[in-house]
Amino acid sequence: MKWNDASCYSPARYICQNDPTKREFLNKKSKFWISKDAQPWTVATAQCQALNSSLISIENEYANTRLVYATMKFEGQVFWTGGNDRNYEGVWMWENG
C-alpha cells in the first residue's frame, strides 16, 4: 500500500477502527471497517465518530500488512486513515492520539 499526503477535501473511502464491543460493527472479528462511500477527510472522521470509533491508526507492521491485504481487492482506490499533518505540515500524528 502506498501512503500519500492528499488534500483533505478530496473524497476517498475511509477505514474506521473497530471496537468489537460496539454493536454498530456487524463483523465483530475484524479490527477495522472499510466504508462503501467516498468522503472528504473531515466527513470521514465524523462518520467514524458517529460509530463511536475513529479513523484507523496503523501503529505497527502487522496492522499495516493486514490493511494491505484487506484493501487489495480495491485496487487503485484511495482510503483515508487517521494519520494527518493538519497542525504542522510534515509533522504527522494519528487522529486518535
PDB file of N, CA and C in Angstrom:
ATOM      1  N   MET A   1       0.853  -1.170   0.000  1.00  0.00           N
ATOM      2  CA  MET A   1       0.000   0.000   0.000  1.00  0.00           C
ATOM      3  C   MET A   1       0.895   1.228   0.000  1.00  0.00           C
ATOM      4  N   LYS A   2       0.506   2.201  -0.756  1.00  0.00           N
ATOM      5  CA  LYS A   2       1.275   3.439  -0.842  1.00  0.00           C
ATOM      6  C   LYS A   2       0.561   4.511  -0.021  1.00  0.00           C
ATOM      7  N   TRP A   3       1.307   5.174   0.844  1.00  0.00           N
ATOM      8  CA  TRP A   3       0.742   6.228   1.676  1.00  0.00           C
ATOM      9  C   TRP A   3       1.079   7.568   1.058  1.00  0.00           C
ATOM     10  N   ASN A   4       0.070   8.432   0.944  1.00  0.00           N
ATOM     11  CA  ASN A   4       0.244   9.743   0.323  1.00  0.00           C
ATOM     12  C   ASN A   4      -0.293  10.849   1.212  1.00  0.00           C
ATOM     13  N   ASP A   5       0.193  12.039   0.982  1.00  0.00           N
ATOM     14  CA  ASP A   5      -0.323  13.242   1.628  1.00  0.00           C
ATOM     15  C   ASP A   5      -1.270  13.897   0.622  1.00  0.00           C
ATOM     16  N   ALA A   6      -2.562  13.624   0.742  1.00  0.00           N
ATOM     17  CA  ALA A   6      -3.551  14.139  -0.197  1.00  0.00           C
ATOM     18  C   ALA A   6      -4.332  15.286   0.437  1.00  0.00           C
ATOM     19  N   SER A   7      -4.966  16.067  -0.397  1.00  0.00           N
ATOM     20  CA  SER A   7      -5.825  17.141   0.103  1.00  0.00           C
ATOM     21  C   SER A   7      -6.983  16.546   0.891  1.00  0.00           C
ATOM     22  N   CYS A   8      -7.220  17.063   2.079  1.00  0.00           N
ATOM     23  CA  CYS A   8      -8.292  16.522   2.920  1.00  0.00           C
ATOM     24  C   CYS A   8      -9.678  16.824   2.341  1.00  0.00           C
ATOM     25  N   TYR A   9      -9.728  17.639   1.306  1.00  0.00           N
ATOM     26  CA  TYR A   9     -11.008  17.964   0.674  1.00  0.00           C
ATOM     27  C   TYR A   9     -11.379  16.972  -0.422  1.00  0.00           C
ATOM     28  N   SER A  10     -10.431  16.142  -0.828  1.00  0.00           N
ATOM     29  CA  SER A  10     -10.686  15.140  -1.863  1.00  0.00           C
ATOM     30  C   SER A  10     -11.469  13.978  -1.255  1.00  0.00           C
ATOM     31  N   PRO A  11     -12.506  13.508  -1.924  1.00  0.00           N
ATOM     32  CA  PRO A  11     -13.239  12.356  -1.380  1.00  0.00           C
ATOM     33  C   PRO A  11     -12.452  11.063  -1.541  1.00  0.00           C
ATOM     34  N   ALA A  12     -12.524  10.234  -0.535  1.00  0.00           N
ATOM     35  CA  ALA A  12     -11.898   8.912  -0.553  1.00  0.00           C
ATOM     36  C   ALA A  12     -12.698   8.003   0.363  1.00  0.00           C
ATOM     37  N   ARG A  13     -12.601   6.702   0.117  1.00  0.00           N
ATOM     38  CA  ARG A  13     -13.181   5.766   1.081  1.00  0.00           C
ATOM     39  C   ARG A  13     -12.363   5.878   2.354  1.00  0.00           C
ATOM     40  N   TYR A  14     -12.884   5.388   3.447  1.00  0.00           N
ATOM     41  CA  TYR A  14     -12.196   5.549   4.727  1.00  0.00           C
ATOM     42  C   TYR A  14     -12.266   4.273   5.537  1.00  0.00           C
ATOM     43  N   ILE A  15     -11.347   4.154   6.489  1.00  0.00           N
ATOM     44  CA  ILE A  15     -11.241   2.953   7.308  1.00  0.00           C
ATOM     45  C   ILE A  15     -11.349   3.360   8.770  1.00  0.00           C
ATOM     46  N   CYS A  16     -12.365   2.833   9.444  1.00  0.00           N
ATOM     47  CA  CYS A  16     -12.585   3.120  10.863  1.00  0.00           C
ATOM     48  C   CYS A  16     -12.008   1.988  11.714  1.00  0.00           C
ATOM     49  N   GLN A  17     -11.496   2.348  12.891  1.00  0.00           N
ATOM     50  CA  GLN A  17     -11.092   1.350  13.879  1.00  0.00           C
ATOM     51  C   GLN A  17     -12.343   0.583  14.270  1.00  0.00           C
ATOM     52  N   ASN A  18     -12.222  -0.674  14.553  1.00  0.00           N
ATOM     53  CA  ASN A  18     -13.361  -1.466  15.001  1.00  0.00           C
ATOM     54  C   ASN A  18     -13.197  -1.817  16.464  1.00  0.00           C
ATOM     55  N   ASP A  19     -14.131  -1.349  17.266  1.00  0.00           N
ATOM     56  CA  ASP A  19     -14.207  -1.771  18.652  1.00  0.00           C
ATOM     57  C   ASP A  19     -15.268  -2.869  18.696  1.00  0.00           C
ATOM     58  N   PRO A  20     -14.871  -4.131  18.833  1.00  0.00           N
ATOM     59  CA  PRO A  20     -15.836  -5.227  18.746  1.00  0.00           C
ATOM     60  C   PRO A  20     -16.916  -5.202  19.823  1.00  0.00           C
ATOM     61  N   THR A  21     -16.787  -4.354  20.818  1.00  0.00           N
ATOM     62  CA  THR A  21     -17.835  -4.260  21.829  1.00  0.00           C
ATOM     63  C   THR A  21     -18.973  -3.345  21.380  1.00  0.00           C
ATOM     64  N   LYS A  22     -18.754  -2.588  20.303  1.00  0.00           N
ATOM     65  CA  LYS A  22     -19.780  -1.682  19.804  1.00  0.00           C
ATOM     66  C   LYS A  22     -20.701  -2.429  18.840  1.00  0.00           C
ATOM     67  N   ARG A  23     -21.973  -2.344  19.049  1.00  0.00           N
ATOM     68  CA  ARG A  23     -22.921  -3.081  18.228  1.00  0.00           C
ATOM     69  C   ARG A  23     -23.023  -2.558  16.801  1.00  0.00           C
ATOM     70  N   GLU A  24     -22.519  -1.350  16.539  1.00  0.00           N
ATOM     71  CA  GLU A  24     -22.630  -0.770  15.210  1.00  0.00           C
ATOM     72  C   GLU A  24     -21.835  -1.549  14.165  1.00  0.00           C
ATOM     73  N   PHE A  25     -20.811  -2.265  14.603  1.00  0.00           N
ATOM     74  CA  PHE A  25     -19.992  -3.028  13.677  1.00  0.00           C
ATOM     75  C   PHE A  25     -20.567  -4.430  13.551  1.00  0.00           C
ATOM     76  N   LEU A  26     -20.876  -4.805  12.321  1.00  0.00           N
ATOM     77  CA  LEU A  26     -21.503  -6.105  12.107  1.00  0.00           C
ATOM     78  C   LEU A  26     -20.489  -7.242  12.209  1.00  0.00           C
ATOM     79  N   ASN A  27     -19.259  -7.005  11.786  1.00  0.00           N
ATOM     80  CA  ASN A  27     -18.237  -8.028  11.840  1.00  0.00           C
ATOM     81  C   ASN A  27     -17.429  -7.853  13.122  1.00  0.00           C
ATOM     82  N   LYS A  28     -17.766  -8.593  14.137  1.00  0.00           N
ATOM     83  CA  LYS A  28     -17.133  -8.438  15.448  1.00  0.00           C
ATOM     84  C   LYS A  28     -15.684  -8.911  15.468  1.00  0.00           C
ATOM     85  N   LYS A  29     -15.279  -9.715  14.493  1.00  0.00           N
ATOM     86  CA  LYS A  29     -13.924 -10.256  14.488  1.00  0.00           C
ATOM     87  C   LYS A  29     -12.914  -9.325  13.841  1.00  0.00           C
ATOM     88  N   SER A  30     -13.374  -8.439  12.987  1.00  0.00           N
ATOM     89  CA  SER A  30     -12.452  -7.564  12.268  1.00  0.00           C
ATOM     90  C   SER A  30     -12.001  -6.410  13.151  1.00  0.00           C
ATOM     91  N   LYS A  31     -10.783  -5.937  12.927  1.00  0.00           N
ATOM     92  CA  LYS A  31     -10.240  -4.810  13.686  1.00  0.00           C
ATOM     93  C   LYS A  31     -10.522  -3.480  13.003  1.00  0.00           C
ATOM     94  N   PHE A  32     -11.113  -3.507  11.821  1.00  0.00           N
ATOM     95  CA  PHE A  32     -11.405  -2.277  11.103  1.00  0.00           C
ATOM     96  C   PHE A  32     -12.612  -2.461  10.199  1.00  0.00           C
ATOM     97  N   TRP A  33     -13.140  -1.354   9.744  1.00  0.00           N
ATOM     98  CA  TRP A  33     -14.312  -1.319   8.876  1.00  0.00           C
ATOM     99  C   TRP A  33     -14.007  -0.382   7.722  1.00  0.00           C
ATOM    100  N   ILE A  34     -14.253  -0.850   6.485  1.00  0.00           N
ATOM    101  CA  ILE A  34     -13.984  -0.069   5.288  1.00  0.00           C
ATOM    102  C   ILE A  34     -15.300   0.472   4.750  1.00  0.00           C
ATOM    103  N   SER A  35     -15.347   1.776   4.536  1.00  0.00           N
ATOM    104  CA  SER A  35     -16.577   2.402   4.050  1.00  0.00           C
ATOM    105  C   SER A  35     -16.867   1.996   2.608  1.00  0.00           C
ATOM    106  N   LYS A  36     -18.124   2.125   2.239  1.00  0.00           N
ATOM    107  CA  LYS A  36     -18.535   1.890   0.857  1.00  0.00           C
ATOM    108  C   LYS A  36     -18.574   3.192   0.073  1.00  0.00           C
ATOM    109  N   ASP A  37     -18.641   4.305   0.779  1.00  0.00           N
ATOM    110  CA  ASP A  37     -18.732   5.613   0.120  1.00  0.00           C
ATOM    111  C   ASP A  37     -17.424   6.378   0.256  1.00  0.00           C
ATOM    112  N   ALA A  38     -17.277   7.405  -0.544  1.00  0.00           N
ATOM    113  CA  ALA A  38     -16.098   8.268  -0.506  1.00  0.00           C
ATOM    114  C   ALA A  38     -16.490   9.629   0.050  1.00  0.00           C
ATOM    115  N   GLN A  39     -15.689  10.129   0.982  1.00  0.00           N
ATOM    116  CA  GLN A  39     -15.974  11.400   1.645  1.00  0.00           C
ATOM    117  C   GLN A  39     -14.674  12.182   1.824  1.00  0.00           C
ATOM    118  N   PRO A  40     -14.758  13.505   1.987  1.00  0.00           N
ATOM    119  CA  PRO A  40     -13.576  14.261   2.396  1.00  0.00           C
ATOM    120  C   PRO A  40     -13.123  13.787   3.789  1.00  0.00           C
ATOM    121  N   TRP A  41     -11.876  14.079   4.135  1.00  0.00           N
ATOM    122  CA  TRP A  41     -11.309  13.569   5.384  1.00  0.00           C
ATOM    123  C   TRP A  41     -12.126  13.974   6.614  1.00  0.00           C
ATOM    124  N   THR A  42     -12.566  15.234   6.675  1.00  0.00           N
ATOM    125  CA  THR A  42     -13.313  15.682   7.863  1.00  0.00           C
ATOM    126  C   THR A  42     -14.650  14.962   7.988  1.00  0.00           C
ATOM    127  N   VAL A  43     -15.311  14.692   6.879  1.00  0.00           N
ATOM    128  CA  VAL A  43     -16.581  13.956   6.913  1.00  0.00           C
ATOM    129  C   VAL A  43     -16.315  12.501   7.307  1.00  0.00           C
ATOM    130  N   ALA A  44     -15.248  11.919   6.762  1.00  0.00           N
ATOM    131  CA  ALA A  44     -14.882  10.550   7.125  1.00  0.00           C
ATOM    132  C   ALA A  44     -14.629  10.438   8.626  1.00  0.00           C
ATOM    133  N   THR A  45     -13.936  11.430   9.173  1.00  0.00           N
ATOM    134  CA  THR A  45     -13.680  11.458  10.616  1.00  0.00           C
ATOM    135  C   THR A  45     -14.994  11.483  11.390  1.00  0.00           C
ATOM    136  N   ALA A  46     -15.913  12.328  10.967  1.00  0.00           N
ATOM    137  CA  ALA A  46     -17.216  12.440  11.635  1.00  0.00           C
ATOM    138  C   ALA A  46     -18.025  11.151  11.505  1.00  0.00           C
ATOM    139  N   GLN A  47     -17.935  10.500  10.355  1.00  0.00           N
ATOM    140  CA  GLN A  47     -18.669   9.240  10.162  1.00  0.00           C
ATOM    141  C   GLN A  47     -18.149   8.166  11.119  1.00  0.00           C
ATOM    142  N   CYS A  48     -16.842   8.081  11.282  1.00  0.00           N
ATOM    143  CA  CYS A  48     -16.289   7.115  12.231  1.00  0.00           C
ATOM    144  C   CYS A  48     -16.703   7.465  13.659  1.00  0.00           C
ATOM    145  N   GLN A  49     -16.665   8.743  13.996  1.00  0.00           N
ATOM    146  CA  GLN A  49     -17.074   9.169  15.337  1.00  0.00           C
ATOM    147  C   GLN A  49     -18.537   8.843  15.599  1.00  0.00           C
ATOM    148  N   ALA A  50     -19.374   8.914  14.572  1.00  0.00           N
ATOM    149  CA  ALA A  50     -20.791   8.553  14.723  1.00  0.00           C
ATOM    150  C   ALA A  50     -20.954   7.076  15.080  1.00  0.00           C
ATOM    151  N   LEU A  51     -19.943   6.282  14.763  1.00  0.00           N
ATOM    152  CA  LEU A  51     -19.931   4.862  15.124  1.00  0.00           C
ATOM    153  C   LEU A  51     -19.152   4.602  16.413  1.00  0.00           C
ATOM    154  N   ASN A  52     -18.924   5.681  17.182  1.00  0.00           N
ATOM    155  CA  ASN A  52     -18.107   5.578  18.400  1.00  0.00           C
ATOM    156  C   ASN A  52     -16.733   5.006  18.083  1.00  0.00           C
ATOM    157  N   SER A  53     -16.154   5.482  17.002  1.00  0.00           N
ATOM    158  CA  SER A  53     -14.878   4.987  16.530  1.00  0.00           C
ATOM    159  C   SER A  53     -14.021   6.165  16.093  1.00  0.00           C
ATOM    160  N   SER A  54     -12.930   5.872  15.399  1.00  0.00           N
ATOM    161  CA  SER A  54     -12.073   6.901  14.807  1.00  0.00           C
ATOM    162  C   SER A  54     -11.473   6.329  13.538  1.00  0.00           C
ATOM    163  N   LEU A  55     -10.950   7.207  12.697  1.00  0.00           N
ATOM    164  CA  LEU A  55     -10.213   6.709  11.546  1.00  0.00           C
ATOM    165  C   LEU A  55      -9.051   5.864  12.050  1.00  0.00           C
ATOM    166  N   ILE A  56      -8.744   4.831  11.327  1.00  0.00           N
ATOM    167  CA  ILE A  56      -7.780   3.843  11.808  1.00  0.00           C
ATOM    168  C   ILE A  56      -6.370   4.405  11.961  1.00  0.00           C
ATOM    169  N   SER A  57      -5.714   3.981  13.019  1.00  0.00           N
ATOM    170  CA  SER A  57      -4.301   4.265  13.252  1.00  0.00           C
ATOM    171  C   SER A  57      -3.530   2.997  12.931  1.00  0.00           C
ATOM    172  N   ILE A  58      -2.483   3.137  12.165  1.00  0.00           N
ATOM    173  CA  ILE A  58      -1.677   1.981  11.758  1.00  0.00           C
ATOM    174  C   ILE A  58      -0.384   2.059  12.558  1.00  0.00           C
ATOM    175  N   GLU A  59      -0.361   1.350  13.658  1.00  0.00           N
ATOM    176  CA  GLU A  59       0.690   1.533  14.648  1.00  0.00           C
ATOM    177  C   GLU A  59       1.851   0.560  14.551  1.00  0.00           C
ATOM    178  N   ASN A  60       1.724  -0.460  13.687  1.00  0.00           N
ATOM    179  CA  ASN A  60       2.833  -1.408  13.558  1.00  0.00           C
ATOM    180  C   ASN A  60       2.767  -2.105  12.200  1.00  0.00           C
ATOM    181  N   GLU A  61       3.788  -2.846  11.886  1.00  0.00           N
ATOM    182  CA  GLU A  61       3.886  -3.523  10.588  1.00  0.00           C
ATOM    183  C   GLU A  61       2.774  -4.553  10.408  1.00  0.00           C
ATOM    184  N   TYR A  62       2.405  -5.244  11.487  1.00  0.00           N
ATOM    185  CA  TYR A  62       1.337  -6.239  11.409  1.00  0.00           C
ATOM    186  C   TYR A  62       0.019  -5.586  10.984  1.00  0.00           C
ATOM    187  N   ALA A  63      -0.336  -4.469  11.601  1.00  0.00           N
ATOM    188  CA  ALA A  63      -1.571  -3.762  11.242  1.00  0.00           C
ATOM    189  C   ALA A  63      -1.505  -3.283   9.797  1.00  0.00           C
ATOM    190  N   ASN A  64      -0.358  -2.784   9.390  1.00  0.00           N
ATOM    191  CA  ASN A  64      -0.200  -2.322   8.019  1.00  0.00           C
ATOM    192  C   ASN A  64      -0.389  -3.477   7.030  1.00  0.00           C
ATOM    193  N   THR A  65       0.207  -4.618   7.329  1.00  0.00           N
ATOM    194  CA  THR A  65       0.083  -5.777   6.450  1.00  0.00           C
ATOM    195  C   THR A  65      -1.357  -6.235   6.338  1.00  0.00           C
ATOM    196  N   ARG A  66      -2.072  -6.256   7.446  1.00  0.00           N
ATOM    197  CA  ARG A  66      -3.491  -6.648   7.419  1.00  0.00           C
ATOM    198  C   ARG A  66      -4.298  -5.703   6.541  1.00  0.00           C
ATOM    199  N   LEU A  67      -4.024  -4.406   6.640  1.00  0.00           N
ATOM    200  CA  LEU A  67      -4.741  -3.441   5.802  1.00  0.00           C
ATOM    201  C   LEU A  67      -4.386  -3.595   4.331  1.00  0.00           C
ATOM    202  N   VAL A  68      -3.128  -3.866   4.054  1.00  0.00           N
ATOM    203  CA  VAL A  68      -2.722  -4.079   2.661  1.00  0.00           C
ATOM    204  C   VAL A  68      -3.532  -5.223   2.063  1.00  0.00           C
ATOM    205  N   TYR A  69      -3.608  -6.337   2.756  1.00  0.00           N
ATOM    206  CA  TYR A  69      -4.368  -7.485   2.243  1.00  0.00           C
ATOM    207  C   TYR A  69      -5.860  -7.188   2.153  1.00  0.00           C
ATOM    208  N   ALA A  70      -6.396  -6.487   3.125  1.00  0.00           N
ATOM    209  CA  ALA A  70      -7.833  -6.189   3.129  1.00  0.00           C
ATOM    210  C   ALA A  70      -8.242  -5.233   2.010  1.00  0.00           C
ATOM    211  N   THR A  71      -7.322  -4.372   1.608  1.00  0.00           N
ATOM    212  CA  THR A  71      -7.663  -3.376   0.585  1.00  0.00           C
ATOM    213  C   THR A  71      -7.194  -3.766  -0.812  1.00  0.00           C
ATOM    214  N   MET A  72      -6.548  -4.901  -0.967  1.00  0.00           N
ATOM    215  CA  MET A  72      -6.055  -5.323  -2.279  1.00  0.00           C
ATOM    216  C   MET A  72      -7.174  -5.425  -3.307  1.00  0.00           C
ATOM    217  N   LYS A  73      -8.342  -5.862  -2.899  1.00  0.00           N
ATOM    218  CA  LYS A  73      -9.450  -6.022  -3.843  1.00  0.00           C
ATOM    219  C   LYS A  73      -9.986  -4.678  -4.343  1.00  0.00           C
ATOM    220  N   PHE A  74      -9.572  -3.598  -3.712  1.00  0.00           N
ATOM    221  CA  PHE A  74      -9.994  -2.257  -4.115  1.00  0.00           C
ATOM    222  C   PHE A  74      -8.877  -1.564  -4.897  1.00  0.00           C
ATOM    223  N   GLU A  75      -8.185  -2.300  -5.724  1.00  0.00           N
ATOM    224  CA  GLU A  75      -7.010  -1.802  -6.434  1.00  0.00           C
ATOM    225  C   GLU A  75      -7.239  -0.422  -7.056  1.00  0.00           C
ATOM    226  N   GLY A  76      -6.322   0.471  -6.784  1.00  0.00           N
ATOM    227  CA  GLY A  76      -6.378   1.813  -7.347  1.00  0.00           C
ATOM    228  C   GLY A  76      -7.218   2.805  -6.564  1.00  0.00           C
ATOM    229  N   GLN A  77      -7.937   2.339  -5.538  1.00  0.00           N
ATOM    230  CA  GLN A  77      -8.754   3.246  -4.752  1.00  0.00           C
ATOM    231  C   GLN A  77      -7.932   3.864  -3.623  1.00  0.00           C
ATOM    232  N   VAL A  78      -8.402   5.012  -3.169  1.00  0.00           N
ATOM    233  CA  VAL A  78      -7.731   5.760  -2.113  1.00  0.00           C
ATOM    234  C   VAL A  78      -8.548   5.639  -0.836  1.00  0.00           C
ATOM    235  N   PHE A  79      -7.852   5.542   0.302  1.00  0.00           N
ATOM    236  CA  PHE A  79      -8.520   5.403   1.602  1.00  0.00           C
ATOM    237  C   PHE A  79      -7.972   6.423   2.580  1.00  0.00           C
ATOM    238  N   TRP A  80      -8.869   6.968   3.387  1.00  0.00           N
ATOM    239  CA  TRP A  80      -8.449   7.837   4.488  1.00  0.00           C
ATOM    240  C   TRP A  80      -8.128   6.983   5.697  1.00  0.00           C
ATOM    241  N   THR A  81      -7.054   7.351   6.387  1.00  0.00           N
ATOM    242  CA  THR A  81      -6.728   6.790   7.693  1.00  0.00           C
ATOM    243  C   THR A  81      -6.672   7.964   8.667  1.00  0.00           C
ATOM    244  N   GLY A  82      -6.354   7.693   9.908  1.00  0.00           N
ATOM    245  CA  GLY A  82      -6.296   8.747  10.909  1.00  0.00           C
ATOM    246  C   GLY A  82      -5.011   9.546  10.918  1.00  0.00           C
ATOM    247  N   GLY A  83      -4.068   9.209  10.064  1.00  0.00           N
ATOM    248  CA  GLY A  83      -2.820   9.972  10.001  1.00  0.00           C
ATOM    249  C   GLY A  83      -3.047  11.331   9.357  1.00  0.00           C
ATOM    250  N   ASN A  84      -2.504  12.378   9.978  1.00  0.00           N
ATOM    251  CA  ASN A  84      -2.679  13.714   9.403  1.00  0.00           C
ATOM    252  C   ASN A  84      -1.558  14.640   9.851  1.00  0.00           C
ATOM    253  N   ASP A  85      -1.401  15.694   9.079  1.00  0.00           N
ATOM    254  CA  ASP A  85      -0.433  16.745   9.435  1.00  0.00           C
ATOM    255  C   ASP A  85      -1.134  18.103   9.425  1.00  0.00           C
ATOM    256  N   ARG A  86      -2.359  18.104   9.944  1.00  0.00           N
ATOM    257  CA  ARG A  86      -3.179  19.330   9.955  1.00  0.00           C
ATOM    258  C   ARG A  86      -2.564  20.452  10.783  1.00  0.00           C
ATOM    259  N   ASN A  87      -1.965  20.132  11.904  1.00  0.00           N
ATOM    260  CA  ASN A  87      -1.416  21.178  12.772  1.00  0.00           C
ATOM    261  C   ASN A  87      -0.142  21.791  12.210  1.00  0.00           C
ATOM    262  N   TYR A  88       0.741  20.927  11.713  1.00  0.00           N
ATOM    263  CA  TYR A  88       2.014  21.387  11.158  1.00  0.00           C
ATOM    264  C   TYR A  88       2.328  20.539   9.932  1.00  0.00           C
ATOM    265  N   GLU A  89       2.449  21.178   8.791  1.00  0.00           N
ATOM    266  CA  GLU A  89       2.754  20.473   7.553  1.00  0.00           C
ATOM    267  C   GLU A  89       4.035  19.645   7.724  1.00  0.00           C
ATOM    268  N   GLY A  90       3.903  18.347   7.418  1.00  0.00           N
ATOM    269  CA  GLY A  90       5.051  17.450   7.501  1.00  0.00           C
ATOM    270  C   GLY A  90       5.238  16.790   8.853  1.00  0.00           C
ATOM    271  N   VAL A  91       4.495  17.216   9.882  1.00  0.00           N
ATOM    272  CA  VAL A  91       4.562  16.587  11.210  1.00  0.00           C
ATOM    273  C   VAL A  91       3.305  15.738  11.371  1.00  0.00           C
ATOM    274  N   TRP A  92       3.478  14.432  11.230  1.00  0.00           N
ATOM    275  CA  TRP A  92       2.349  13.500  11.205  1.00  0.00           C
ATOM    276  C   TRP A  92       1.960  13.032  12.601  1.00  0.00           C
ATOM    277  N   MET A  93       0.646  12.943  12.807  1.00  0.00           N
ATOM    278  CA  MET A  93       0.079  12.443  14.060  1.00  0.00           C
ATOM    279  C   MET A  93      -1.127  11.585  13.704  1.00  0.00           C
ATOM    280  N   TRP A  94      -1.495  10.700  14.635  1.00  0.00           N
ATOM    281  CA  TRP A  94      -2.719   9.929  14.465  1.00  0.00           C
ATOM    282  C   TRP A  94      -3.879  10.702  15.072  1.00  0.00           C
ATOM    283  N   GLU A  95      -5.016  10.622  14.423  1.00  0.00           N
ATOM    284  CA  GLU A  95      -6.209  11.337  14.863  1.00  0.00           C
ATOM    285  C   GLU A  95      -6.623  10.933  16.275  1.00  0.00           C
ATOM    286  N   ASN A  96      -6.472   9.676  16.628  1.00  0.00           N
ATOM    287  CA  ASN A  96      -6.896   9.186  17.951  1.00  0.00           C
ATOM    288  C   ASN A  96      -5.819   9.378  19.016  1.00  0.00           C
ATOM    289  N   GLY A  97      -4.789  10.151  18.709  1.00  0.00           N
ATOM    290  CA  GLY A  97      -3.768  10.464  19.706  1.00  0.00           C
ATOM    291  C   GLY A  97      -2.542   9.657  19.510  1.00  0.00           C
TER     292      GLY A  97
END
